Amino acid sequence: MGLFQTLRPNHGLREWRCNTSSGNLEILFNGEIANLSATLSTGLHLSLSPTESHYSQDYHRLLCILEACKMSPNLRTTAGAHANIIKLGYGVYPSLISLMVVTYASCDRLNLARQLLVEIPTEYFDAVSANLMISRFMKMGTVDVAKMIFNEVPLRDLVTWNSLIGGYVKNDLCKEALSVFRKMLRSNVEPDGYTFASIITACARLGAIDHAKWVHHLMTERRIELNYILSSALIDMYSKCGRIEIARGIFDSVERTNVSVWNAMINGLGIHGLALDAIEIFSLMEPENVSPDSITFIGLLTACSHCGLVEEGQKYFQLMKSLYLIQPQLEHYGTMVDLLGRAGLLDEAYTVIKEMPIEPDAIMWRTFLSACRIHKNSEMGEVASTKISHLGSGDYVLLSNIYCSTKKWDNAEKVRCLMKWKGVRKNSGKSWVEVGNVVHQFKAGDRSHPEAELIYKTLKKLIHQTKLEGFSSTTELVLMDISDEEKEENLSYHSEKLALAYGILKSSPGTHIQVSKNLRTCPDCHSWMKMVAKLLNREIIVRDRIRFHHFADGYCSCGDYW
């Protein structure tokens, strides 16, 4: 029999006892609950009386117990509550059953949570209960269960849609979030400010400008009132979609009494390498009586880091402490390490790490390791790698890159062998480009796209043209001691090159193209993009994990400093 088969209204206490005595529940718990039937018959853990006069009191006690188990998982107590829910006749109460499902999931028993969902008729759940479960499962990253609940719940309200859309965004499934949003509109459910806050974030992460403009238009059309959350989100969205001038226009037109609006603008300017503009915005805060917070200074210091403004960055770091009395956190020290490390001041960056009053974390050491890679310092790179307790794929790649750039092939090979021995796989680079309101994604060497043949033909033609113009591949960071010809072959089909080729194939001459990538763009692709922009007389915008690169007429907005 099923785990919750006795939820049917005609099942009584005697039948449930019979079911548990057969050992079904005991088997499902793999022996973790020694005697669940005894729990039921004696009330060993909960001691809840089944008398009718105490139903209301018992109901609230069960709610409290399950809420406690959800926050601090306790499988035995959860199972006891489960038994008493059935014993006391609460098996048809949506609030208790939905909480039961979520609590089993919190106890890391997704198989039990799934089984309950399979066996319980969907009409038992109202929208409130469904919303609770969708939100909780999305928070735990169990997207498929949340989607199943959404698909099966008979009545959906606005919160149900918002829970699914927001959950997709939190789990970085932004294309799926946009798809659900379109379905929501087709279902004649009117989105609210919460809906738009989530979907704006989805557009920002994708860097999808056509989607961004469409969503902004819908907001205006539906007369959604702008508050500081939506104003900040819009500024962030246009900044991350490569339209910093639109972001600035929104900043200039909205109410900006909340610091979040200022932070969004400063961060946006920073990722575009417009540090002086970010500093200018910061200087306007005091006249407008807006006090900066810790996030303001992270944005400001990051902007200085991207442009190599070491003295200015150091000045604002001290100003944060002395004038605004904001105590630096790990993120602030991290930006200082990044600022100094990028500028080649590795000794100073190392000193910051050693002297900071907070224990440095893995992210801090990875920042330092990245700086060592930029400046080809294998000795300090080795120091950084030993400080990271659990090396990830990116750490191994950075260390291997350092060895390759200094032609220490034996050391690079040892790192690669260590990765293989530990089963560590390199994070795959992904790039995407928006064409015709559709986001097309590519991986290195990807031939899965329906138009792969045309894409590769276009790319090979571009590579040939750039070589004729004098372009030479940057092969030093290919992780193998092989011939230059083989290295060029490895570099030719990086994901951002495939995305760019598709963008060129599908766009008109003279229009600009924007490509987004989940990792830092490599030096070879960076140099190649400059050449392609000059060759085609087009602006190419690339957003990588670190910042924006605006390529035009053979130059990049980063000044080759990234």
Protein backbone atom coordinates (compact mmCIF):
# COMPACT_ATOMS: atom_id res chain seq x y z
CA MET A 1 0.00 0.00 0.00
CA GLY A 2 1.03 3.58 -0.53
CA LEU A 3 2.63 5.82 2.02
CA PHE A 4 -0.42 8.09 2.27
CA GLN A 5 -3.09 5.81 0.88
CA THR A 6 -5.19 6.26 4.02
CA LEU A 7 -5.71 9.93 3.19
CA ARG A 8 -8.89 8.87 1.41
CA PRO A 9 -11.87 9.98 3.51
CA ASN A 10 -13.23 6.45 3.96
CA HIS A 11 -10.10 5.08 5.57
CA GLY A 12 -10.29 4.82 9.32
CA LEU A 13 -7.93 4.39 12.23
CA ARG A 14 -8.25 0.58 12.23
CA GLU A 15 -7.27 0.36 8.55
CA TRP A 16 -4.30 2.64 9.08
CA ARG A 17 -3.07 0.53 11.98
CA CYS A 18 -3.35 -2.51 9.79
CA ASN A 19 -1.30 -0.82 7.08
CA THR A 20 1.49 0.24 9.39
CA SER A 21 1.63 -3.11 11.10
CA SER A 22 2.41 -4.61 7.70
CA GLY A 23 5.65 -2.66 7.81
CA ASN A 24 5.20 -0.51 4.69
CA LEU A 25 6.22 2.74 6.34
CA GLU A 26 9.00 1.04 8.26
CA ILE A 27 10.51 -0.29 5.02
CA LEU A 28 10.24 3.12 3.33
CA PHE A 29 12.31 4.67 6.09
CA ASN A 30 15.04 2.04 5.58
CA GLY A 31 15.04 1.14 9.23
CA GLU A 32 15.54 4.70 10.47
CA ILE A 33 12.20 4.59 12.32
CA ALA A 34 12.39 1.54 14.54
CA ASN A 35 8.69 1.03 15.22
CA LEU A 36 6.36 3.51 13.58
CA SER A 37 3.23 1.57 14.51
CA ALA A 38 4.27 1.85 18.15
CA THR A 39 4.66 5.59 17.64
CA LEU A 40 1.08 5.73 16.47
CA SER A 41 -0.48 3.51 19.14
CA THR A 42 1.31 5.01 22.14
CA GLY A 43 1.87 8.60 20.94
CA LEU A 44 5.49 8.09 22.00
CA HIS A 45 6.82 11.33 20.48
CA LEU A 46 3.77 13.56 20.31
CA SER A 47 1.24 12.19 22.83
CA LEU A 48 -1.64 13.70 20.88
CA SER A 49 -5.09 12.68 22.03
CA PRO A 50 -7.56 11.63 19.32
CA THR A 51 -10.57 12.86 21.22
CA GLU A 52 -12.83 14.99 19.10
CA SER A 53 -12.91 17.88 21.57
CA HIS A 54 -9.19 18.47 21.10
CA TYR A 55 -9.10 18.50 17.26
CA SER A 56 -8.42 22.24 17.04
CA GLN A 57 -5.69 22.11 19.69
CA ASP A 58 -4.08 19.06 18.08
CA TYR A 59 -4.21 20.67 14.65
CA HIS A 60 -2.24 23.70 15.83
CA ARG A 61 0.22 21.52 17.74
CA LEU A 62 0.88 19.48 14.62
CA LEU A 63 1.41 22.64 12.59
CA CYS A 64 3.94 23.91 15.13
CA ILE A 65 5.78 20.57 15.25
CA LEU A 66 6.05 20.33 11.47
CA GLU A 67 7.19 23.94 11.19
CA ALA A 68 9.90 23.19 13.77
CA CYS A 69 10.96 20.03 11.89
CA LYS A 70 11.06 22.00 8.65
CA MET A 71 13.44 24.55 10.15
CA SER A 72 15.49 21.98 12.09
CA PRO A 73 15.05 18.64 10.31
CA ASN A 74 14.14 15.70 12.57
CA LEU A 75 13.04 12.61 10.67
CA ARG A 76 11.77 10.65 13.67
CA THR A 77 9.56 13.47 14.92
CA THR A 78 8.36 14.15 11.39
CA ALA A 79 7.32 10.52 11.00
CA GLY A 80 5.52 10.70 14.34
CA ALA A 81 3.64 13.77 13.20
CA HIS A 82 2.77 11.98 9.97
CA ALA A 83 1.30 9.06 11.93
CA ASN A 84 -0.76 11.33 14.13
CA ILE A 85 -2.07 13.37 11.19
CA ILE A 86 -3.69 10.21 9.89
CA LYS A 87 -4.69 8.94 13.34
CA LEU A 88 -6.49 12.16 14.24
CA GLY A 89 -8.25 12.46 10.88
CA TYR A 90 -6.34 15.43 9.45
CA GLY A 91 -5.37 13.62 6.25
CA VAL A 92 -7.54 15.91 4.13
CA TYR A 93 -6.25 19.21 5.52
CA PRO A 94 -4.21 20.89 2.71
CA SER A 95 -2.18 23.07 5.08
CA LEU A 96 -0.95 20.07 7.09
CA ILE A 97 -0.36 17.77 4.13
CA SER A 98 1.53 20.37 2.10
CA LEU A 99 3.65 21.15 5.16
CA MET A 100 4.21 17.42 5.60
CA VAL A 101 5.55 17.19 2.04
CA VAL A 102 7.87 20.16 2.55
CA THR A 103 9.08 18.80 5.89
CA TYR A 104 10.02 15.42 4.42
CA ALA A 105 11.97 17.30 1.76
CA SER A 106 13.72 19.33 4.48
CA CYS A 107 14.67 16.03 6.13
CA ASP A 108 16.37 15.08 2.86
CA ARG A 109 13.74 12.47 2.09
CA LEU A 110 12.69 13.63 -1.35
CA ASN A 111 11.55 10.12 -2.23
CA LEU A 112 8.91 10.31 0.52
CA ALA A 113 7.90 13.83 -0.45
CA ARG A 114 7.51 12.76 -4.06
CA GLN A 115 5.48 9.70 -3.06
CA LEU A 116 3.08 11.81 -1.04
CA LEU A 117 2.62 14.13 -3.99
CA VAL A 118 1.94 11.20 -6.31
CA GLU A 119 -0.62 9.60 -3.98
CA ILE A 120 -2.50 12.70 -2.82
CA PRO A 121 -5.28 13.86 -5.17
CA THR A 122 -4.45 17.31 -6.50
CA GLU A 123 -7.87 18.62 -5.48
CA TYR A 124 -6.73 18.30 -1.85
CA PHE A 125 -4.42 21.28 -2.35
CA ASP A 126 -5.62 24.85 -2.49
CA ALA A 127 -3.50 27.63 -4.00
CA VAL A 128 -2.02 28.65 -0.63
CA SER A 129 -0.74 25.12 0.05
CA ALA A 130 0.58 24.73 -3.50
CA ASN A 131 2.37 28.07 -3.27
CA LEU A 132 4.07 27.01 -0.04
CA MET A 133 5.35 23.81 -1.62
CA ILE A 134 6.47 25.43 -4.89
CA SER A 135 8.37 28.13 -3.02
CA ARG A 136 10.03 25.63 -0.68
CA PHE A 137 11.06 23.16 -3.37
CA MET A 138 12.44 25.96 -5.53
CA LYS A 139 14.47 27.20 -2.56
CA MET A 140 15.96 23.72 -2.19
CA GLY A 141 16.74 23.58 -5.91
CA THR A 142 14.28 20.73 -6.53
CA VAL A 143 12.88 22.41 -9.61
CA ASP A 144 11.24 19.35 -11.15
CA VAL A 145 9.07 18.74 -8.06
CA ALA A 146 8.03 22.40 -7.94
CA LYS A 147 7.10 22.27 -11.63
CA MET A 148 5.09 19.08 -11.07
CA ILE A 149 3.09 20.72 -8.29
CA PHE A 150 2.46 23.79 -10.45
CA ASN A 151 1.26 21.66 -13.38
CA GLU A 152 -1.13 19.58 -11.25
CA VAL A 153 -2.65 22.14 -8.87
CA PRO A 154 -6.23 22.81 -10.06
CA LEU A 155 -6.43 26.47 -9.03
CA ARG A 156 -3.54 28.87 -9.58
CA ASP A 157 -3.48 32.40 -8.30
CA LEU A 158 -0.99 35.20 -9.00
CA VAL A 159 1.27 34.01 -6.19
CA THR A 160 1.44 30.53 -7.77
CA TRP A 161 2.76 32.00 -11.02
CA ASN A 162 5.14 34.31 -9.17
CA SER A 163 6.48 31.42 -7.07
CA LEU A 164 7.35 29.40 -10.17
CA ILE A 165 8.81 32.32 -12.12
CA GLY A 166 10.81 33.59 -9.14
CA GLY A 167 12.01 30.06 -8.38
CA TYR A 168 13.26 29.57 -11.92
CA VAL A 169 15.20 32.83 -11.71
CA LYS A 170 16.73 31.91 -8.35
CA ASN A 171 17.86 28.61 -9.84
CA ASP A 172 19.36 30.44 -12.82
CA LEU A 173 16.83 29.00 -15.27
CA CYS A 174 16.07 32.33 -16.86
CA LYS A 175 14.87 31.08 -20.26
CA GLU A 176 12.37 28.85 -18.45
CA ALA A 177 11.22 31.83 -16.37
CA LEU A 178 10.53 33.83 -19.52
CA SER A 179 8.64 30.90 -21.02
CA VAL A 180 6.38 30.65 -17.94
CA PHE A 181 5.87 34.43 -18.00
CA ARG A 182 4.59 34.23 -21.58
CA LYS A 183 2.29 31.38 -20.60
CA MET A 184 1.03 33.49 -17.70
CA LEU A 185 0.13 36.33 -20.06
CA ARG A 186 -1.66 33.92 -22.40
CA SER A 187 -3.66 32.66 -19.39
CA ASN A 188 -4.92 36.21 -18.80
CA VAL A 189 -3.29 36.42 -15.36
CA GLU A 190 -2.25 40.02 -14.72
CA PRO A 191 1.39 40.30 -13.55
CA ASP A 192 2.25 42.57 -10.65
CA GLY A 193 5.39 44.28 -9.41
CA TYR A 194 6.77 41.03 -7.95
CA THR A 195 6.36 39.29 -11.30
CA PHE A 196 8.22 42.05 -13.11
CA ALA A 197 10.99 42.18 -10.50
CA SER A 198 11.73 38.49 -11.21
CA ILE A 199 11.40 38.68 -14.98
CA ILE A 200 13.58 41.82 -15.17
CA THR A 201 16.27 39.88 -13.29
CA ALA A 202 15.92 37.04 -15.81
CA CYS A 203 16.48 39.46 -18.71
CA ALA A 204 19.47 40.98 -16.91
CA ARG A 205 21.15 37.61 -16.41
CA LEU A 206 20.59 36.60 -20.00
CA GLY A 207 21.70 39.99 -21.31
CA ALA A 208 18.76 39.74 -23.70
CA ILE A 209 18.08 43.30 -24.81
CA ASP A 210 15.05 42.54 -27.02
CA HIS A 211 13.37 40.69 -24.15
CA ALA A 212 14.36 43.53 -21.81
CA LYS A 213 12.71 46.18 -23.96
CA TRP A 214 9.59 44.04 -24.35
CA VAL A 215 9.27 43.54 -20.57
CA HIS A 216 9.84 47.25 -19.91
CA HIS A 217 7.15 48.10 -22.47
CA LEU A 218 4.71 45.71 -20.76
CA MET A 219 5.40 47.41 -17.43
CA THR A 220 4.65 50.82 -18.90
CA GLU A 221 1.59 49.53 -20.74
CA ARG A 222 0.15 48.01 -17.56
CA ARG A 223 1.03 51.13 -15.56
CA ILE A 224 3.06 49.24 -12.98
CA GLU A 225 4.13 51.81 -10.41
CA LEU A 226 7.88 52.15 -10.07
CA ASN A 227 9.27 51.75 -6.58
CA TYR A 228 12.95 51.68 -5.65
CA ILE A 229 13.11 47.90 -6.19
CA LEU A 230 11.82 48.06 -9.76
CA SER A 231 13.83 51.21 -10.55
CA SER A 232 17.01 49.49 -9.37
CA ALA A 233 16.11 46.34 -11.30
CA LEU A 234 15.56 48.29 -14.54
CA ILE A 235 18.90 50.10 -14.19
CA ASP A 236 20.62 46.78 -13.50
CA MET A 237 18.84 45.10 -16.43
CA TYR A 238 19.82 47.66 -19.04
CA SER A 239 23.37 47.81 -17.66
CA LYS A 240 23.74 44.03 -18.00
CA CYS A 241 22.11 44.08 -21.43
CA GLY A 242 24.85 46.41 -22.67
CA ARG A 243 22.74 49.57 -22.79
CA ILE A 244 24.38 51.66 -20.11
CA GLU A 245 23.07 54.87 -21.69
CA ILE A 246 19.45 53.70 -21.20
CA ALA A 247 20.28 52.71 -17.63
CA ARG A 248 21.66 56.19 -17.02
CA GLY A 249 18.51 57.75 -18.51
CA ILE A 250 16.32 55.75 -16.12
CA PHE A 251 18.55 56.72 -13.19
CA ASP A 252 18.19 60.40 -14.09
CA SER A 253 14.40 60.17 -14.37
CA VAL A 254 13.32 58.11 -11.32
CA GLU A 255 13.05 58.95 -7.66
CA ARG A 256 16.37 58.04 -6.07
CA THR A 257 16.03 58.55 -2.35
CA ASN A 258 16.89 54.89 -1.73
CA VAL A 259 20.54 53.86 -1.85
CA SER A 260 19.70 50.75 -3.94
CA VAL A 261 19.04 52.93 -6.99
CA TRP A 262 22.47 54.54 -6.64
CA ASN A 263 24.15 51.17 -6.10
CA ALA A 264 22.60 49.78 -9.29
CA MET A 265 23.92 52.73 -11.30
CA ILE A 266 27.42 52.61 -9.78
CA ASN A 267 27.65 48.84 -10.32
CA GLY A 268 26.41 49.19 -13.90
CA LEU A 269 29.01 51.82 -14.74
CA GLY A 270 31.67 49.69 -13.06
CA ILE A 271 31.05 46.58 -15.16
CA HIS A 272 31.27 48.73 -18.30
CA GLY A 273 34.67 50.04 -17.22
CA LEU A 274 33.36 53.56 -16.66
CA ALA A 275 35.04 54.12 -13.31
CA LEU A 276 35.21 57.90 -13.58
CA ASP A 277 31.46 58.04 -14.26
CA ALA A 278 30.87 55.79 -11.24
CA ILE A 279 32.95 58.14 -9.10
CA GLU A 280 30.94 61.09 -10.44
CA ILE A 281 27.67 59.39 -9.44
CA PHE A 282 29.08 58.68 -6.00
CA SER A 283 29.96 62.35 -5.58
CA LEU A 284 26.28 63.28 -6.14
CA MET A 285 25.06 61.18 -3.23
CA GLU A 286 25.99 63.63 -0.47
CA PRO A 287 24.28 66.68 -2.08
CA GLU A 288 21.12 64.57 -2.45
CA ASN A 289 21.31 63.41 1.19
CA VAL A 290 21.71 59.72 0.37
CA SER A 291 24.20 57.85 2.53
CA PRO A 292 26.26 55.12 0.87
CA ASP A 293 26.24 51.63 2.34
CA SER A 294 28.65 48.71 2.15
CA ILE A 295 27.32 47.67 -1.28
CA THR A 296 28.00 51.15 -2.65
CA PHE A 297 31.68 50.77 -1.87
CA ILE A 298 31.89 47.28 -3.34
CA GLY A 299 30.63 48.74 -6.63
CA LEU A 300 32.95 51.73 -6.41
CA LEU A 301 36.03 49.63 -5.61
CA THR A 302 35.16 47.15 -8.37
CA ALA A 303 34.90 50.03 -10.86
CA CYS A 304 38.35 51.25 -9.82
CA SER A 305 39.69 47.69 -10.14
CA HIS A 306 38.43 47.30 -13.72
CA CYS A 307 40.21 50.50 -14.76
CA GLY A 308 43.42 50.14 -12.76
CA LEU A 309 42.69 53.19 -10.59
CA VAL A 310 44.76 51.94 -7.67
CA GLU A 311 45.21 55.23 -5.79
CA GLU A 312 41.53 56.12 -6.12
CA GLY A 313 40.49 52.67 -4.92
CA GLN A 314 42.74 52.90 -1.89
CA LYS A 315 41.35 56.37 -1.14
CA TYR A 316 37.73 55.18 -1.16
CA PHE A 317 38.59 52.13 0.92
CA GLN A 318 40.00 54.41 3.64
CA LEU A 319 37.11 56.87 3.22
CA MET A 320 34.62 54.07 3.80
CA LYS A 321 36.19 53.33 7.18
CA SER A 322 37.07 56.81 8.41
CA LEU A 323 34.21 59.00 7.17
CA TYR A 324 31.28 56.60 6.80
CA LEU A 325 32.32 54.25 9.63
CA ILE A 326 31.60 51.17 7.53
CA GLN A 327 33.68 48.20 8.65
CA PRO A 328 35.16 46.34 5.67
CA GLN A 329 33.80 42.85 5.09
CA LEU A 330 35.31 39.99 3.11
CA GLU A 331 33.89 41.41 -0.14
CA HIS A 332 35.64 44.75 0.41
CA TYR A 333 38.98 43.13 1.12
CA GLY A 334 38.41 40.92 -1.92
CA THR A 335 37.96 43.95 -4.19
CA MET A 336 41.19 45.44 -2.79
CA VAL A 337 43.07 42.21 -3.53
CA ASP A 338 41.60 42.29 -7.03
CA LEU A 339 42.49 45.97 -7.48
CA LEU A 340 46.12 45.47 -6.44
CA GLY A 341 46.50 42.07 -8.11
CA ARG A 342 45.26 43.22 -11.52
CA ALA A 343 47.72 46.12 -11.36
CA GLY A 344 50.57 43.66 -10.83
CA LEU A 345 51.09 44.64 -7.18
CA LEU A 346 51.05 41.02 -6.04
CA ASP A 347 53.15 41.61 -2.91
CA GLU A 348 50.79 44.36 -1.77
CA ALA A 349 47.76 42.18 -2.53
CA TYR A 350 49.29 39.33 -0.52
CA THR A 351 49.94 41.71 2.36
CA VAL A 352 46.26 42.73 2.40
CA ILE A 353 45.28 39.06 2.71
CA LYS A 354 47.78 38.38 5.50
CA GLU A 355 46.93 41.48 7.53
CA MET A 356 43.13 41.58 7.17
CA PRO A 357 41.31 40.96 10.47
CA ILE A 358 38.97 38.42 8.84
CA GLU A 359 39.94 34.88 7.84
CA PRO A 360 40.30 34.87 4.03
CA ASP A 361 37.96 32.49 2.23
CA ALA A 362 38.44 30.45 -0.94
CA ILE A 363 37.05 33.26 -3.11
CA MET A 364 39.75 35.60 -1.81
CA TRP A 365 42.51 33.15 -2.67
CA ARG A 366 40.97 32.50 -6.09
CA THR A 367 41.03 36.24 -6.78
CA PHE A 368 44.72 36.27 -5.89
CA LEU A 369 45.35 33.14 -7.97
CA SER A 370 43.71 34.83 -10.95
CA ALA A 371 46.03 37.82 -10.55
CA CYS A 372 48.99 35.45 -10.46
CA ARG A 373 47.77 33.96 -13.75
CA ILE A 374 47.52 37.40 -15.37
CA HIS A 375 51.06 38.30 -14.34
CA LYS A 376 52.52 34.79 -14.84
CA ASN A 377 53.77 34.38 -11.28
CA SER A 378 53.80 30.62 -10.69
CA GLU A 379 55.46 30.82 -7.26
CA MET A 380 52.74 32.98 -5.72
CA GLY A 381 50.13 31.02 -7.67
CA GLU A 382 51.28 27.86 -5.91
CA VAL A 383 50.96 29.64 -2.55
CA ALA A 384 47.39 30.65 -3.37
CA SER A 385 46.42 27.16 -4.54
CA THR A 386 47.64 25.57 -1.28
CA LYS A 387 45.36 27.89 0.69
CA ILE A 388 42.20 26.68 -1.07
CA SER A 389 41.04 23.65 0.91
CA HIS A 390 38.85 22.21 -1.86
CA LEU A 391 40.19 23.13 -5.27
CA GLY A 392 37.51 23.50 -7.92
CA SER A 393 37.92 23.02 -11.64
CA GLY A 394 38.55 26.74 -12.16
CA ASP A 395 41.39 26.72 -9.62
CA TYR A 396 43.17 23.86 -11.37
CA VAL A 397 42.72 25.56 -14.74
CA LEU A 398 44.14 28.85 -13.42
CA LEU A 399 47.20 27.09 -11.97
CA SER A 400 47.68 25.08 -15.15
CA ASN A 401 47.38 28.29 -17.20
CA ILE A 402 50.12 29.89 -15.13
CA TYR A 403 52.45 26.96 -15.84
CA CYS A 404 51.56 26.93 -19.54
CA SER A 405 52.17 30.67 -19.91
CA THR A 406 55.65 30.22 -18.42
CA LYS A 407 56.21 27.05 -20.51
CA LYS A 408 56.45 24.79 -17.45
CA TRP A 409 54.80 21.95 -19.32
CA ASP A 410 55.68 19.23 -16.81
CA ASN A 411 53.98 21.15 -13.99
CA ALA A 412 50.95 21.85 -16.17
CA GLU A 413 50.72 18.15 -17.02
CA LYS A 414 50.88 17.23 -13.32
CA VAL A 415 47.94 19.56 -12.62
CA ARG A 416 45.95 18.00 -15.47
CA CYS A 417 46.74 14.48 -14.21
CA LEU A 418 45.68 15.50 -10.71
CA MET A 419 42.38 16.80 -12.09
CA LYS A 420 41.82 13.50 -13.88
CA TRP A 421 42.74 11.45 -10.80
CA LYS A 422 40.33 13.43 -8.61
CA GLY A 423 37.59 13.31 -11.23
CA VAL A 424 37.52 17.10 -11.58
CA ARG A 425 36.14 18.30 -14.90
CA LYS A 426 36.73 21.74 -16.35
CA ASN A 427 33.66 23.98 -16.26
CA SER A 428 32.41 24.22 -19.80
CA GLY A 429 32.30 27.67 -21.32
CA LYS A 430 28.90 28.74 -22.63
CA SER A 431 28.08 31.73 -24.77
CA TRP A 432 24.76 32.96 -26.04
CA VAL A 433 23.40 35.52 -28.45
CA GLU A 434 19.87 36.88 -28.86
CA VAL A 435 18.50 36.65 -32.40
CA GLY A 436 14.87 37.26 -33.30
CA ASN A 437 13.70 37.27 -29.67
CA VAL A 438 15.27 33.85 -29.16
CA VAL A 439 18.38 33.22 -27.05
CA HIS A 440 20.77 30.80 -28.84
CA GLN A 441 23.39 29.08 -26.65
CA PHE A 442 26.69 27.52 -27.73
CA LYS A 443 29.52 25.47 -26.21
CA ALA A 444 33.06 25.15 -27.53
CA GLY A 445 33.07 22.96 -30.64
CA ASP A 446 29.27 22.78 -30.47
CA ARG A 447 27.57 21.31 -33.56
CA SER A 448 24.11 20.79 -32.06
CA HIS A 449 22.60 23.96 -33.49
CA PRO A 450 20.21 23.38 -36.44
CA GLU A 451 22.27 25.81 -38.53
CA ALA A 452 25.67 24.47 -37.41
CA GLU A 453 26.95 24.02 -40.96
CA LEU A 454 26.32 27.66 -41.87
CA ILE A 455 27.73 28.85 -38.54
CA TYR A 456 31.01 26.98 -39.03
CA LYS A 457 31.25 28.14 -42.65
CA THR A 458 30.84 31.77 -41.50
CA LEU A 459 33.36 31.32 -38.69
CA LYS A 460 35.99 29.71 -40.92
CA LYS A 461 35.62 32.57 -43.37
CA LEU A 462 36.11 35.12 -40.57
CA ILE A 463 39.17 33.28 -39.27
CA HIS A 464 40.68 33.25 -42.77
CA GLN A 465 39.99 36.97 -43.25
CA THR A 466 41.53 37.94 -39.91
CA LYS A 467 44.66 35.92 -40.70
CA LEU A 468 45.01 37.77 -43.97
CA GLU A 469 44.85 41.01 -41.94
CA GLY A 470 47.73 39.81 -39.78
CA PHE A 471 45.95 38.20 -36.85
CA SER A 472 47.97 35.57 -34.99
CA SER A 473 46.40 33.26 -32.40
CA THR A 474 47.42 33.58 -28.74
CA THR A 475 48.33 29.96 -28.16
CA GLU A 476 50.28 30.19 -24.91
CA LEU A 477 47.33 29.28 -22.67
CA VAL A 478 46.29 26.09 -24.45
CA LEU A 479 46.77 23.44 -21.79
CA MET A 480 48.98 21.10 -23.85
CA ASP A 481 52.54 20.98 -25.13
CA ILE A 482 51.48 20.43 -28.74
CA SER A 483 52.14 22.10 -32.07
CA ASP A 484 50.95 25.65 -32.71
CA GLU A 485 48.69 24.36 -35.49
CA GLU A 486 46.90 22.06 -33.05
CA LYS A 487 46.63 24.86 -30.52
CA GLU A 488 45.02 27.13 -33.11
CA GLU A 489 42.48 24.42 -33.87
CA ASN A 490 41.57 24.28 -30.14
CA LEU A 491 41.12 28.05 -30.01
CA SER A 492 39.17 28.44 -33.25
CA TYR A 493 35.85 27.11 -32.02
CA HIS A 494 35.45 28.69 -28.59
CA SER A 495 31.83 29.31 -27.64
CA GLU A 496 31.98 33.11 -28.00
CA LYS A 497 33.34 32.78 -31.55
CA LEU A 498 30.47 30.46 -32.51
CA ALA A 499 27.92 32.84 -30.95
CA LEU A 500 29.44 35.80 -32.77
CA ALA A 501 29.45 33.93 -36.08
CA TYR A 502 25.75 33.19 -35.65
CA GLY A 503 25.05 36.81 -34.73
CA ILE A 504 26.84 37.99 -37.88
CA LEU A 505 25.02 35.40 -39.98
CA LYS A 506 21.62 36.61 -38.76
CA SER A 507 22.10 40.39 -38.57
CA SER A 508 22.38 43.25 -40.99
CA PRO A 509 25.72 44.92 -41.85
CA GLY A 510 26.47 47.89 -39.61
CA THR A 511 24.35 46.76 -36.68
CA HIS A 512 26.04 45.90 -33.43
CA ILE A 513 26.11 42.38 -31.99
CA GLN A 514 26.08 41.38 -28.34
CA VAL A 515 27.42 38.09 -27.00
CA SER A 516 27.32 36.92 -23.37
CA LYS A 517 29.60 34.32 -21.78
CA ASN A 518 29.51 32.55 -18.41
CA LEU A 519 33.32 32.62 -17.98
CA ARG A 520 36.09 35.16 -18.46
CA THR A 521 36.82 35.58 -22.16
CA CYS A 522 40.23 34.22 -23.15
CA PRO A 523 43.06 36.43 -24.50
CA ASP A 524 42.87 34.86 -27.96
CA CYS A 525 39.13 35.51 -28.36
CA HIS A 526 39.63 39.03 -27.01
CA SER A 527 42.29 39.84 -29.62
CA TRP A 528 40.29 38.18 -32.38
CA MET A 529 37.13 40.16 -31.55
CA LYS A 530 39.06 43.42 -31.94
CA MET A 531 40.19 42.36 -35.38
CA VAL A 532 36.70 41.24 -36.47
CA ALA A 533 35.14 44.52 -35.29
CA LYS A 534 37.66 46.46 -37.38
CA LEU A 535 37.34 44.15 -40.39
CA LEU A 536 33.53 44.35 -40.51
CA ASN A 537 33.30 47.96 -39.28
CA ARG A 538 30.82 46.88 -36.61
CA GLU A 539 30.54 47.26 -32.86
CA ILE A 540 30.74 43.97 -30.99
CA ILE A 541 29.75 43.85 -27.33
CA VAL A 542 30.86 40.92 -25.19
CA ARG A 543 29.71 40.45 -21.62
CA ASP A 544 31.86 37.91 -19.81
CA ARG A 545 31.81 36.87 -16.15
CA ILE A 546 33.90 39.89 -15.17
CA ARG A 547 32.76 42.87 -17.23
CA PHE A 548 31.67 44.29 -20.59
CA HIS A 549 33.97 44.62 -23.60
CA HIS A 550 32.96 47.05 -26.34
CA PHE A 551 34.95 46.26 -29.49
CA ALA A 552 35.14 48.86 -32.26
CA ASP A 553 37.69 49.85 -34.91
CA GLY A 554 40.29 47.40 -33.59
CA TYR A 555 40.10 48.51 -29.96
CA CYS A 556 38.34 47.36 -26.79
CA SER A 557 36.82 49.60 -24.14
CA CYS A 558 38.77 47.73 -21.45
CA GLY A 559 42.08 48.92 -22.92
CA ASP A 560 43.26 45.28 -22.72
CA TYR A 561 43.05 45.57 -18.92
CA TRP A 562 40.66 42.95 -17.61
